[in-house]
């Protein structure tokens, strides 16, 4: 399973990341059996520095999963991070 976190254009401009949508972090994990699993998305150095100055930011999460048969699926989820 691969996951990435990103911000849209408006949020990126507001926090000073860039004028376009930007990926701010990535994470990878392998699941050996059915169920749920926790994993961490590591933010880039620049994103950590910029996001340290804001109280709230809306983040888009994208999960790319593949089962043992090779079937792929992408799931998107939007959430707000608050300090």
PDB file of N, CA and C in Angstrom:
ATOM      1  N   UNK A   1       0.851  -1.152   0.000  1.00  0.00           N
ATOM      2  CA  UNK A   1       0.000   0.000   0.000  1.00  0.00           C
ATOM      3  C   UNK A   1       0.906   1.227   0.000  1.00  0.00           C
ATOM      4  N   UNK A   2       0.582   2.153  -0.849  1.00  0.00           N
ATOM      5  CA  UNK A   2       1.305   3.417  -0.905  1.00  0.00           C
ATOM      6  C   UNK A   2       0.320   4.538  -0.625  1.00  0.00           C
ATOM      7  N   UNK A   3       0.769   5.543   0.098  1.00  0.00           N
ATOM      8  CA  UNK A   3      -0.096   6.678   0.404  1.00  0.00           C
ATOM      9  C   UNK A   3       0.678   7.962   0.180  1.00  0.00           C
ATOM     10  N   UNK A   4      -0.037   8.983  -0.237  1.00  0.00           N
ATOM     11  CA  UNK A   4       0.578  10.296  -0.372  1.00  0.00           C
ATOM     12  C   UNK A   4      -0.385  11.336   0.167  1.00  0.00           C
ATOM     13  N   UNK A   5       0.173  12.398   0.708  1.00  0.00           N
ATOM     14  CA  UNK A   5      -0.613  13.513   1.229  1.00  0.00           C
ATOM     15  C   UNK A   5      -0.272  14.734   0.403  1.00  0.00           C
ATOM     16  N   UNK A   6      -1.281  15.494   0.057  1.00  0.00           N
ATOM     17  CA  UNK A   6      -1.055  16.679  -0.752  1.00  0.00           C
ATOM     18  C   UNK A   6      -1.995  17.796  -0.367  1.00  0.00           C
ATOM     19  N   UNK A   7      -1.690  18.967  -0.842  1.00  0.00           N
ATOM     20  CA  UNK A   7      -2.556  20.128  -0.639  1.00  0.00           C
ATOM     21  C   UNK A   7      -2.958  20.662  -2.001  1.00  0.00           C
ATOM     22  N   UNK A   8      -4.121  21.279  -2.050  1.00  0.00           N
ATOM     23  CA  UNK A   8      -4.576  21.853  -3.307  1.00  0.00           C
ATOM     24  C   UNK A   8      -3.900  23.204  -3.544  1.00  0.00           C
ATOM     25  N   UNK A   9      -4.180  23.797  -4.677  1.00  0.00           N
ATOM     26  CA  UNK A   9      -3.540  25.046  -5.075  1.00  0.00           C
ATOM     27  C   UNK A   9      -3.786  26.161  -4.064  1.00  0.00           C
ATOM     28  N   UNK A  10      -5.027  26.306  -3.652  1.00  0.00           N
ATOM     29  CA  UNK A  10      -5.387  27.388  -2.728  1.00  0.00           C
ATOM     30  C   UNK A  10      -4.665  27.238  -1.381  1.00  0.00           C
ATOM     31  N   UNK A  11      -4.673  26.041  -0.837  1.00  0.00           N
ATOM     32  CA  UNK A  11      -4.003  25.800   0.438  1.00  0.00           C
ATOM     33  C   UNK A  11      -2.498  25.959   0.298  1.00  0.00           C
ATOM     34  N   UNK A  12      -1.939  25.473  -0.788  1.00  0.00           N
ATOM     35  CA  UNK A  12      -0.506  25.613  -1.017  1.00  0.00           C
ATOM     36  C   UNK A  12      -0.069  27.062  -1.062  1.00  0.00           C
ATOM     37  N   UNK A  13      -0.859  27.894  -1.720  1.00  0.00           N
ATOM     38  CA  UNK A  13      -0.543  29.322  -1.763  1.00  0.00           C
ATOM     39  C   UNK A  13      -0.636  29.947  -0.381  1.00  0.00           C
ATOM     40  N   UNK A  14      -1.663  29.537   0.381  1.00  0.00           N
ATOM     41  CA  UNK A  14      -1.895  30.131   1.702  1.00  0.00           C
ATOM     42  C   UNK A  14      -0.746  29.829   2.664  1.00  0.00           C
ATOM     43  N   UNK A  15      -0.221  28.625   2.627  1.00  0.00           N
ATOM     44  CA  UNK A  15       0.853  28.272   3.553  1.00  0.00           C
ATOM     45  C   UNK A  15       2.242  28.518   2.974  1.00  0.00           C
ATOM     46  N   UNK A  16       2.320  28.911   1.708  1.00  0.00           N
ATOM     47  CA  UNK A  16       3.604  29.265   1.114  1.00  0.00           C
ATOM     48  C   UNK A  16       4.361  28.096   0.526  1.00  0.00           C
ATOM     49  N   UNK A  17       3.669  27.022   0.144  1.00  0.00           N
ATOM     50  CA  UNK A  17       4.361  25.882  -0.460  1.00  0.00           C
ATOM     51  C   UNK A  17       4.597  26.077  -1.945  1.00  0.00           C
ATOM     52  N   UNK A  18       3.567  26.478  -2.672  1.00  0.00           N
ATOM     53  CA  UNK A  18       3.727  26.772  -4.092  1.00  0.00           C
ATOM     54  C   UNK A  18       2.397  27.253  -4.617  1.00  0.00           C
ATOM     55  N   UNK A  19       2.374  27.669  -5.865  1.00  0.00           N
ATOM     56  CA  UNK A  19       1.140  28.147  -6.457  1.00  0.00           C
ATOM     57  C   UNK A  19       0.275  27.053  -7.041  1.00  0.00           C
ATOM     58  N   UNK A  20       0.763  25.830  -7.055  1.00  0.00           N
ATOM     59  CA  UNK A  20      -0.015  24.722  -7.614  1.00  0.00           C
ATOM     60  C   UNK A  20      -0.195  23.652  -6.546  1.00  0.00           C
ATOM     61  N   UNK A  21      -1.019  22.669  -6.839  1.00  0.00           N
ATOM     62  CA  UNK A  21      -1.191  21.565  -5.907  1.00  0.00           C
ATOM     63  C   UNK A  21       0.137  20.865  -5.687  1.00  0.00           C
ATOM     64  N   UNK A  22       0.370  20.383  -4.502  1.00  0.00           N
ATOM     65  CA  UNK A  22       1.685  19.847  -4.188  1.00  0.00           C
ATOM     66  C   UNK A  22       1.581  18.636  -3.261  1.00  0.00           C
ATOM     67  N   UNK A  23       2.385  17.624  -3.520  1.00  0.00           N
ATOM     68  CA  UNK A  23       2.499  16.485  -2.614  1.00  0.00           C
ATOM     69  C   UNK A  23       3.420  16.883  -1.478  1.00  0.00           C
ATOM     70  N   UNK A  24       2.954  16.708  -0.242  1.00  0.00           N
ATOM     71  CA  UNK A  24       3.746  17.139   0.907  1.00  0.00           C
ATOM     72  C   UNK A  24       4.340  15.971   1.686  1.00  0.00           C
ATOM     73  N   UNK A  25       3.918  14.741   1.385  1.00  0.00           N
ATOM     74  CA  UNK A  25       4.472  13.594   2.092  1.00  0.00           C
ATOM     75  C   UNK A  25       4.071  12.282   1.455  1.00  0.00           C
ATOM     76  N   UNK A  26       4.805  11.224   1.817  1.00  0.00           N
ATOM     77  CA  UNK A  26       4.536   9.892   1.272  1.00  0.00           C
ATOM     78  C   UNK A  26       4.755   8.848   2.360  1.00  0.00           C
ATOM     79  N   UNK A  27       4.107   7.706   2.170  1.00  0.00           N
ATOM     80  CA  UNK A  27       4.281   6.588   3.086  1.00  0.00           C
ATOM     81  C   UNK A  27       4.038   5.280   2.360  1.00  0.00           C
ATOM     82  N   UNK A  28       4.666   4.212   2.821  1.00  0.00           N
ATOM     83  CA  UNK A  28       4.535   2.897   2.203  1.00  0.00           C
ATOM     84  C   UNK A  28       4.386   1.855   3.296  1.00  0.00           C
ATOM     85  N   UNK A  29       3.620   0.828   3.010  1.00  0.00           N
ATOM     86  CA  UNK A  29       3.429  -0.246   3.969  1.00  0.00           C
ATOM     87  C   UNK A  29       3.002  -1.501   3.223  1.00  0.00           C
ATOM     88  N   UNK A  30       3.330  -2.652   3.777  1.00  0.00           N
ATOM     89  CA  UNK A  30       2.897  -3.925   3.201  1.00  0.00           C
ATOM     90  C   UNK A  30       2.018  -4.633   4.222  1.00  0.00           C
ATOM     91  N   UNK A  31       0.919  -5.174   3.745  1.00  0.00           N
ATOM     92  CA  UNK A  31       0.020  -5.922   4.622  1.00  0.00           C
ATOM     93  C   UNK A  31       0.154  -7.401   4.292  1.00  0.00           C
ATOM     94  N   UNK A  32       0.319  -8.219   5.325  1.00  0.00           N
ATOM     95  CA  UNK A  32       0.485  -9.651   5.112  1.00  0.00           C
ATOM     96  C   UNK A  32      -0.810 -10.425   5.302  1.00  0.00           C
ATOM     97  N   UNK A  33      -1.800  -9.804   5.960  1.00  0.00           N
ATOM     98  CA  UNK A  33      -3.082 -10.474   6.169  1.00  0.00           C
ATOM     99  C   UNK A  33      -4.200  -9.440   6.155  1.00  0.00           C
ATOM    100  N   UNK A  34      -5.423  -9.910   6.085  1.00  0.00           N
ATOM    101  CA  UNK A  34      -6.581  -9.015   6.048  1.00  0.00           C
ATOM    102  C   UNK A  34      -6.705  -8.258   7.365  1.00  0.00           C
ATOM    103  N   UNK A  35      -7.281  -7.074   7.286  1.00  0.00           N
ATOM    104  CA  UNK A  35      -7.483  -6.270   8.485  1.00  0.00           C
ATOM    105  C   UNK A  35      -7.053  -4.841   8.244  1.00  0.00           C
ATOM    106  N   UNK A  36      -6.792  -4.146   9.326  1.00  0.00           N
ATOM    107  CA  UNK A  36      -6.362  -2.753   9.221  1.00  0.00           C
ATOM    108  C   UNK A  36      -4.926  -2.634   9.710  1.00  0.00           C
ATOM    109  N   UNK A  37      -4.288  -1.556   9.293  1.00  0.00           N
ATOM    110  CA  UNK A  37      -2.895  -1.354   9.663  1.00  0.00           C
ATOM    111  C   UNK A  37      -2.615   0.129   9.763  1.00  0.00           C
ATOM    112  N   UNK A  38      -1.854   0.516  10.772  1.00  0.00           N
ATOM    113  CA  UNK A  38      -1.432   1.902  10.915  1.00  0.00           C
ATOM    114  C   UNK A  38      -0.090   2.077  10.211  1.00  0.00           C
ATOM    115  N   UNK A  39       0.078   3.232   9.598  1.00  0.00           N
ATOM    116  CA  UNK A  39       1.394   3.566   9.079  1.00  0.00           C
ATOM    117  C   UNK A  39       1.527   5.072   9.034  1.00  0.00           C
ATOM    118  N   UNK A  40       2.725   5.533   8.871  1.00  0.00           N
ATOM    119  CA  UNK A  40       3.032   6.952   8.950  1.00  0.00           C
ATOM    120  C   UNK A  40       3.326   7.505   7.570  1.00  0.00           C
ATOM    121  N   UNK A  41       2.803   8.683   7.318  1.00  0.00           N
ATOM    122  CA  UNK A  41       3.158   9.419   6.109  1.00  0.00           C
ATOM    123  C   UNK A  41       4.208  10.441   6.519  1.00  0.00           C
ATOM    124  N   UNK A  42       5.388  10.308   5.979  1.00  0.00           N
ATOM    125  CA  UNK A  42       6.484  11.203   6.332  1.00  0.00           C
ATOM    126  C   UNK A  42       6.417  12.451   5.461  1.00  0.00           C
ATOM    127  N   UNK A  43       6.331  13.609   6.107  1.00  0.00           N
ATOM    128  CA  UNK A  43       6.268  14.877   5.387  1.00  0.00           C
ATOM    129  C   UNK A  43       7.655  15.290   4.918  1.00  0.00           C
ATOM    130  N   UNK A  44       7.696  15.997   3.813  1.00  0.00           N
ATOM    131  CA  UNK A  44       8.971  16.510   3.311  1.00  0.00           C
ATOM    132  C   UNK A  44       9.479  17.605   4.250  1.00  0.00           C
ATOM    133  N   UNK A  45      10.748  17.878   4.189  1.00  0.00           N
ATOM    134  CA  UNK A  45      11.351  18.881   5.064  1.00  0.00           C
ATOM    135  C   UNK A  45      10.729  20.256   4.852  1.00  0.00           C
ATOM    136  N   UNK A  46      10.524  20.613   3.602  1.00  0.00           N
ATOM    137  CA  UNK A  46       9.937  21.918   3.296  1.00  0.00           C
ATOM    138  C   UNK A  46       8.501  22.012   3.812  1.00  0.00           C
ATOM    139  N   UNK A  47       7.731  20.944   3.650  1.00  0.00           N
ATOM    140  CA  UNK A  47       6.345  20.938   4.128  1.00  0.00           C
ATOM    141  C   UNK A  47       6.297  21.044   5.650  1.00  0.00           C
ATOM    142  N   UNK A  48       7.165  20.332   6.350  1.00  0.00           N
ATOM    143  CA  UNK A  48       7.198  20.427   7.819  1.00  0.00           C
ATOM    144  C   UNK A  48       7.483  21.847   8.260  1.00  0.00           C
ATOM    145  N   UNK A  49       8.430  22.487   7.597  1.00  0.00           N
ATOM    146  CA  UNK A  49       8.809  23.850   7.964  1.00  0.00           C
ATOM    147  C   UNK A  49       7.659  24.822   7.734  1.00  0.00           C
ATOM    148  N   UNK A  50       6.980  24.708   6.587  1.00  0.00           N
ATOM    149  CA  UNK A  50       5.884  25.622   6.265  1.00  0.00           C
ATOM    150  C   UNK A  50       4.645  25.351   7.114  1.00  0.00           C
ATOM    151  N   UNK A  51       4.337  24.081   7.339  1.00  0.00           N
ATOM    152  CA  UNK A  51       3.132  23.739   8.095  1.00  0.00           C
ATOM    153  C   UNK A  51       3.285  24.003   9.588  1.00  0.00           C
ATOM    154  N   UNK A  52       4.509  24.161  10.074  1.00  0.00           N
ATOM    155  CA  UNK A  52       4.716  24.473  11.487  1.00  0.00           C
ATOM    156  C   UNK A  52       4.146  25.841  11.843  1.00  0.00           C
ATOM    157  N   UNK A  53       3.930  26.678  10.849  1.00  0.00           N
ATOM    158  CA  UNK A  53       3.463  28.047  11.094  1.00  0.00           C
ATOM    159  C   UNK A  53       1.951  28.192  11.016  1.00  0.00           C
ATOM    160  N   UNK A  54       1.243  27.152  10.608  1.00  0.00           N
ATOM    161  CA  UNK A  54      -0.210  27.264  10.452  1.00  0.00           C
ATOM    162  C   UNK A  54      -0.923  26.420  11.505  1.00  0.00           C
ATOM    163  N   UNK A  55      -2.130  26.857  11.873  1.00  0.00           N
ATOM    164  CA  UNK A  55      -2.909  26.140  12.885  1.00  0.00           C
ATOM    165  C   UNK A  55      -3.778  25.043  12.279  1.00  0.00           C
ATOM    166  N   UNK A  56      -4.186  25.234  11.029  1.00  0.00           N
ATOM    167  CA  UNK A  56      -5.105  24.281  10.405  1.00  0.00           C
ATOM    168  C   UNK A  56      -4.798  24.202   8.915  1.00  0.00           C
ATOM    169  N   UNK A  57      -4.842  23.001   8.388  1.00  0.00           N
ATOM    170  CA  UNK A  57      -4.589  22.822   6.959  1.00  0.00           C
ATOM    171  C   UNK A  57      -5.432  21.646   6.453  1.00  0.00           C
ATOM    172  N   UNK A  58      -5.979  21.798   5.262  1.00  0.00           N
ATOM    173  CA  UNK A  58      -6.769  20.737   4.643  1.00  0.00           C
ATOM    174  C   UNK A  58      -5.852  19.915   3.738  1.00  0.00           C
ATOM    175  N   UNK A  59      -5.870  18.612   3.944  1.00  0.00           N
ATOM    176  CA  UNK A  59      -4.954  17.704   3.258  1.00  0.00           C
ATOM    177  C   UNK A  59      -5.758  16.668   2.480  1.00  0.00           C
ATOM    178  N   UNK A  60      -5.291  16.356   1.293  1.00  0.00           N
ATOM    179  CA  UNK A  60      -5.886  15.295   0.479  1.00  0.00           C
ATOM    180  C   UNK A  60      -5.001  14.058   0.590  1.00  0.00           C
ATOM    181  N   UNK A  61      -5.587  12.956   1.026  1.00  0.00           N
ATOM    182  CA  UNK A  61      -4.847  11.696   1.122  1.00  0.00           C
ATOM    183  C   UNK A  61      -5.217  10.810  -0.054  1.00  0.00           C
ATOM    184  N   UNK A  62      -4.241  10.164  -0.627  1.00  0.00           N
ATOM    185  CA  UNK A  62      -4.481   9.235  -1.737  1.00  0.00           C
ATOM    186  C   UNK A  62      -3.799   7.912  -1.387  1.00  0.00           C
ATOM    187  N   UNK A  63      -4.605   6.864  -1.316  1.00  0.00           N
ATOM    188  CA  UNK A  63      -4.105   5.530  -1.014  1.00  0.00           C
ATOM    189  C   UNK A  63      -4.172   4.686  -2.278  1.00  0.00           C
ATOM    190  N   UNK A  64      -3.066   4.064  -2.622  1.00  0.00           N
ATOM    191  CA  UNK A  64      -3.023   3.149  -3.764  1.00  0.00           C
ATOM    192  C   UNK A  64      -2.760   1.759  -3.201  1.00  0.00           C
ATOM    193  N   UNK A  65      -3.724   0.876  -3.400  1.00  0.00           N
ATOM    194  CA  UNK A  65      -3.601  -0.472  -2.849  1.00  0.00           C
ATOM    195  C   UNK A  65      -3.663  -1.502  -3.972  1.00  0.00           C
ATOM    196  N   UNK A  66      -3.018  -2.638  -3.724  1.00  0.00           N
ATOM    197  CA  UNK A  66      -3.005  -3.731  -4.694  1.00  0.00           C
ATOM    198  C   UNK A  66      -3.068  -5.036  -3.916  1.00  0.00           C
ATOM    199  N   UNK A  67      -3.955  -5.923  -4.312  1.00  0.00           N
ATOM    200  CA  UNK A  67      -4.049  -7.213  -3.632  1.00  0.00           C
ATOM    201  C   UNK A  67      -3.101  -8.219  -4.280  1.00  0.00           C
ATOM    202  N   UNK A  68      -3.095  -9.424  -3.728  1.00  0.00           N
ATOM    203  CA  UNK A  68      -2.155 -10.438  -4.221  1.00  0.00           C
ATOM    204  C   UNK A  68      -2.466 -10.880  -5.643  1.00  0.00           C
ATOM    205  N   UNK A  69      -3.708 -10.687  -6.088  1.00  0.00           N
ATOM    206  CA  UNK A  69      -4.081 -11.038  -7.463  1.00  0.00           C
ATOM    207  C   UNK A  69      -3.662  -9.957  -8.457  1.00  0.00           C
ATOM    208  N   UNK A  70      -3.202  -8.814  -7.955  1.00  0.00           N
ATOM    209  CA  UNK A  70      -2.761  -7.739  -8.830  1.00  0.00           C
ATOM    210  C   UNK A  70      -3.815  -6.687  -9.111  1.00  0.00           C
ATOM    211  N   UNK A  71      -4.988  -6.818  -8.507  1.00  0.00           N
ATOM    212  CA  UNK A  71      -6.037  -5.809  -8.686  1.00  0.00           C
ATOM    213  C   UNK A  71      -5.650  -4.535  -7.947  1.00  0.00           C
ATOM    214  N   UNK A  72      -5.807  -3.413  -8.621  1.00  0.00           N
ATOM    215  CA  UNK A  72      -5.410  -2.131  -8.038  1.00  0.00           C
ATOM    216  C   UNK A  72      -6.618  -1.259  -7.781  1.00  0.00           C
ATOM    217  N   UNK A  73      -6.490  -0.418  -6.762  1.00  0.00           N
ATOM    218  CA  UNK A  73      -7.554   0.528  -6.450  1.00  0.00           C
ATOM    219  C   UNK A  73      -6.932   1.755  -5.809  1.00  0.00           C
ATOM    220  N   UNK A  74      -7.479   2.919  -6.142  1.00  0.00           N
ATOM    221  CA  UNK A  74      -7.047   4.175  -5.544  1.00  0.00           C
ATOM    222  C   UNK A  74      -8.211   4.751  -4.759  1.00  0.00           C
ATOM    223  N   UNK A  75      -7.925   5.137  -3.519  1.00  0.00           N
ATOM    224  CA  UNK A  75      -8.939   5.717  -2.644  1.00  0.00           C
ATOM    225  C   UNK A  75      -8.461   7.097  -2.235  1.00  0.00           C
ATOM    226  N   UNK A  76      -9.322   8.097  -2.402  1.00  0.00           N
ATOM    227  CA  UNK A  76      -8.996   9.460  -2.007  1.00  0.00           C
ATOM    228  C   UNK A  76      -9.815   9.843  -0.789  1.00  0.00           C
ATOM    229  N   UNK A  77      -9.200  10.601   0.112  1.00  0.00           N
ATOM    230  CA  UNK A  77      -9.892  11.051   1.310  1.00  0.00           C
ATOM    231  C   UNK A  77      -9.356  12.435   1.667  1.00  0.00           C
ATOM    232  N   UNK A  78     -10.233  13.328   2.048  1.00  0.00           N
ATOM    233  CA  UNK A  78      -9.832  14.684   2.422  1.00  0.00           C
ATOM    234  C   UNK A  78     -10.068  14.869   3.914  1.00  0.00           C
ATOM    235  N   UNK A  79      -9.088  15.451   4.595  1.00  0.00           N
ATOM    236  CA  UNK A  79      -9.264  15.728   6.015  1.00  0.00           C
ATOM    237  C   UNK A  79      -8.577  17.021   6.387  1.00  0.00           C
ATOM    238  N   UNK A  80      -8.939  17.548   7.545  1.00  0.00           N
ATOM    239  CA  UNK A  80      -8.354  18.786   8.044  1.00  0.00           C
ATOM    240  C   UNK A  80      -7.487  18.459   9.245  1.00  0.00           C
ATOM    241  N   UNK A  81      -6.229  18.875   9.196  1.00  0.00           N
ATOM    242  CA  UNK A  81      -5.314  18.697  10.317  1.00  0.00           C
ATOM    243  C   UNK A  81      -5.343  19.958  11.160  1.00  0.00           C
ATOM    244  N   UNK A  82      -5.528  19.777  12.459  1.00  0.00           N
ATOM    245  CA  UNK A  82      -5.544  20.915  13.381  1.00  0.00           C
ATOM    246  C   UNK A  82      -4.484  20.698  14.439  1.00  0.00           C
ATOM    247  N   UNK A  83      -3.925  21.791  14.896  1.00  0.00           N
ATOM    248  CA  UNK A  83      -2.942  21.695  15.950  1.00  0.00           C
ATOM    249  C   UNK A  83      -3.602  21.835  17.290  1.00  0.00           C
TER     250      UNK A  83
END
